[in-house]
């Protein structure tokens, strides 16, 4: 029995969600159906996504950055680029 976990050939969560929403072409759908029958991990993920589909209706407002944090950030020295750090070493 293979270990329980995501393998290199496992689909992404986005692909599983597209499968749930019937947005895949027939060939990928058939291949995914076979994969789900053989992979316990992906089957569990698919079940989770089926039960808890993502919602796009929820808008989470981003609070403004406090002025004190902006003042602190303005006082920081400029960041060095990766090339500048490499040449300084």
C-alpha atoms as a PDB file:
ATOM      1  CA  UNK A   1       0.000   0.000   0.000  1.00  0.00           C
ATOM      2  CA  UNK A   2       1.507   3.379  -0.980  1.00  0.00           C
ATOM      3  CA  UNK A   3       1.998   5.999   1.758  1.00  0.00           C
ATOM      4  CA  UNK A   4      -0.855   8.429   2.365  1.00  0.00           C
ATOM      5  CA  UNK A   5       0.233  11.726   0.856  1.00  0.00           C
ATOM      6  CA  UNK A   6       0.320  13.845  -2.252  1.00  0.00           C
ATOM      7  CA  UNK A   7       2.406  12.293  -4.992  1.00  0.00           C
ATOM      8  CA  UNK A   8       4.167  13.856  -7.955  1.00  0.00           C
ATOM      9  CA  UNK A   9       1.336  12.801 -10.297  1.00  0.00           C
ATOM     10  CA  UNK A  10      -1.487  14.029  -8.065  1.00  0.00           C
ATOM     11  CA  UNK A  11      -3.704  16.847  -9.366  1.00  0.00           C
ATOM     12  CA  UNK A  12      -3.777  20.267  -7.771  1.00  0.00           C
ATOM     13  CA  UNK A  13      -6.643  21.414  -5.566  1.00  0.00           C
ATOM     14  CA  UNK A  14      -7.670  23.740  -8.413  1.00  0.00           C
ATOM     15  CA  UNK A  15      -7.978  20.750 -10.752  1.00  0.00           C
ATOM     16  CA  UNK A  16     -10.036  18.850  -8.177  1.00  0.00           C
ATOM     17  CA  UNK A  17     -12.290  21.881  -7.790  1.00  0.00           C
ATOM     18  CA  UNK A  18     -12.652  22.159 -11.579  1.00  0.00           C
ATOM     19  CA  UNK A  19     -13.645  18.477 -11.596  1.00  0.00           C
ATOM     20  CA  UNK A  20     -16.273  19.201  -8.921  1.00  0.00           C
ATOM     21  CA  UNK A  21     -17.640  22.039 -11.029  1.00  0.00           C
ATOM     22  CA  UNK A  22     -17.589  19.965 -14.257  1.00  0.00           C
ATOM     23  CA  UNK A  23     -15.129  22.375 -15.892  1.00  0.00           C
ATOM     24  CA  UNK A  24     -12.745  19.705 -17.206  1.00  0.00           C
ATOM     25  CA  UNK A  25     -12.724  18.281 -20.717  1.00  0.00           C
ATOM     26  CA  UNK A  26     -13.761  14.602 -21.070  1.00  0.00           C
ATOM     27  CA  UNK A  27     -10.233  13.141 -21.309  1.00  0.00           C
ATOM     28  CA  UNK A  28      -8.876  14.835 -18.158  1.00  0.00           C
ATOM     29  CA  UNK A  29     -12.132  13.979 -16.383  1.00  0.00           C
ATOM     30  CA  UNK A  30     -11.726  10.280 -17.191  1.00  0.00           C
ATOM     31  CA  UNK A  31      -8.067  10.310 -16.109  1.00  0.00           C
ATOM     32  CA  UNK A  32      -8.943  12.090 -12.874  1.00  0.00           C
ATOM     33  CA  UNK A  33     -11.759   9.660 -12.145  1.00  0.00           C
ATOM     34  CA  UNK A  34      -9.279   6.770 -12.467  1.00  0.00           C
ATOM     35  CA  UNK A  35      -6.749   8.590 -10.288  1.00  0.00           C
ATOM     36  CA  UNK A  36      -9.339   9.241  -7.564  1.00  0.00           C
ATOM     37  CA  UNK A  37     -10.185   5.534  -7.523  1.00  0.00           C
ATOM     38  CA  UNK A  38      -6.520   4.680  -6.909  1.00  0.00           C
ATOM     39  CA  UNK A  39      -5.253   7.532  -4.691  1.00  0.00           C
ATOM     40  CA  UNK A  40      -6.659   7.740  -1.167  1.00  0.00           C
ATOM     41  CA  UNK A  41      -5.061  11.145  -0.570  1.00  0.00           C
ATOM     42  CA  UNK A  42      -6.629  12.789  -3.619  1.00  0.00           C
ATOM     43  CA  UNK A  43      -9.940  11.092  -2.918  1.00  0.00           C
ATOM     44  CA  UNK A  44      -9.899  12.571   0.605  1.00  0.00           C
ATOM     45  CA  UNK A  45      -9.029  16.030  -0.780  1.00  0.00           C
ATOM     46  CA  UNK A  46     -11.789  15.734  -3.355  1.00  0.00           C
ATOM     47  CA  UNK A  47     -14.286  14.776  -0.636  1.00  0.00           C
ATOM     48  CA  UNK A  48     -13.189  17.766   1.451  1.00  0.00           C
ATOM     49  CA  UNK A  49     -13.519  20.154  -1.480  1.00  0.00           C
ATOM     50  CA  UNK A  50     -16.903  18.671  -2.348  1.00  0.00           C
ATOM     51  CA  UNK A  51     -18.180  19.260   1.170  1.00  0.00           C
ATOM     52  CA  UNK A  52     -16.601  22.692   1.606  1.00  0.00           C
ATOM     53  CA  UNK A  53     -16.525  24.422  -1.742  1.00  0.00           C
ATOM     54  CA  UNK A  54     -14.736  27.776  -1.734  1.00  0.00           C
ATOM     55  CA  UNK A  55     -16.911  30.839  -1.736  1.00  0.00           C
ATOM     56  CA  UNK A  56     -16.177  33.961  -3.686  1.00  0.00           C
ATOM     57  CA  UNK A  57     -18.977  35.942  -2.063  1.00  0.00           C
ATOM     58  CA  UNK A  58     -17.018  36.727   1.077  1.00  0.00           C
ATOM     59  CA  UNK A  59     -15.110  39.977   0.948  1.00  0.00           C
ATOM     60  CA  UNK A  60     -12.634  40.424   3.757  1.00  0.00           C
ATOM     61  CA  UNK A  61     -11.706  44.069   4.186  1.00  0.00           C
ATOM     62  CA  UNK A  62      -8.032  44.836   4.649  1.00  0.00           C
ATOM     63  CA  UNK A  63      -7.510  47.257   7.520  1.00  0.00           C
ATOM     64  CA  UNK A  64      -5.274  50.246   6.903  1.00  0.00           C
ATOM     65  CA  UNK A  65      -1.676  50.056   8.076  1.00  0.00           C
ATOM     66  CA  UNK A  66      -1.294  52.047  11.321  1.00  0.00           C
ATOM     67  CA  UNK A  67       0.558  55.332  10.914  1.00  0.00           C
ATOM     68  CA  UNK A  68       3.114  54.291  13.549  1.00  0.00           C
ATOM     69  CA  UNK A  69       4.089  51.254  11.421  1.00  0.00           C
ATOM     70  CA  UNK A  70       4.368  53.420   8.301  1.00  0.00           C
ATOM     71  CA  UNK A  71       6.672  55.809  10.189  1.00  0.00           C
ATOM     72  CA  UNK A  72       8.871  52.931  11.345  1.00  0.00           C
ATOM     73  CA  UNK A  73       9.036  51.526   7.818  1.00  0.00           C
ATOM     74  CA  UNK A  74      10.069  54.911   6.444  1.00  0.00           C
ATOM     75  CA  UNK A  75      13.042  54.935   8.840  1.00  0.00           C
ATOM     76  CA  UNK A  76      14.425  51.592   7.639  1.00  0.00           C
ATOM     77  CA  UNK A  77      17.530  51.668   5.472  1.00  0.00           C
ATOM     78  CA  UNK A  78      16.991  50.781   1.814  1.00  0.00           C
ATOM     79  CA  UNK A  79      17.043  47.053   1.128  1.00  0.00           C
ATOM     80  CA  UNK A  80      20.053  45.680  -0.688  1.00  0.00           C
ATOM     81  CA  UNK A  81      19.518  43.736  -3.850  1.00  0.00           C
ATOM     82  CA  UNK A  82      20.619  40.129  -3.991  1.00  0.00           C
ATOM     83  CA  UNK A  83      23.532  41.104  -6.278  1.00  0.00           C
ATOM     84  CA  UNK A  84      24.752  43.769  -3.837  1.00  0.00           C
ATOM     85  CA  UNK A  85      24.724  41.272  -0.945  1.00  0.00           C
ATOM     86  CA  UNK A  86      26.623  38.723  -3.029  1.00  0.00           C
ATOM     87  CA  UNK A  87      29.372  41.231  -3.915  1.00  0.00           C
ATOM     88  CA  UNK A  88      29.628  42.475  -0.307  1.00  0.00           C
ATOM     89  CA  UNK A  89      30.427  38.976   0.988  1.00  0.00           C
END
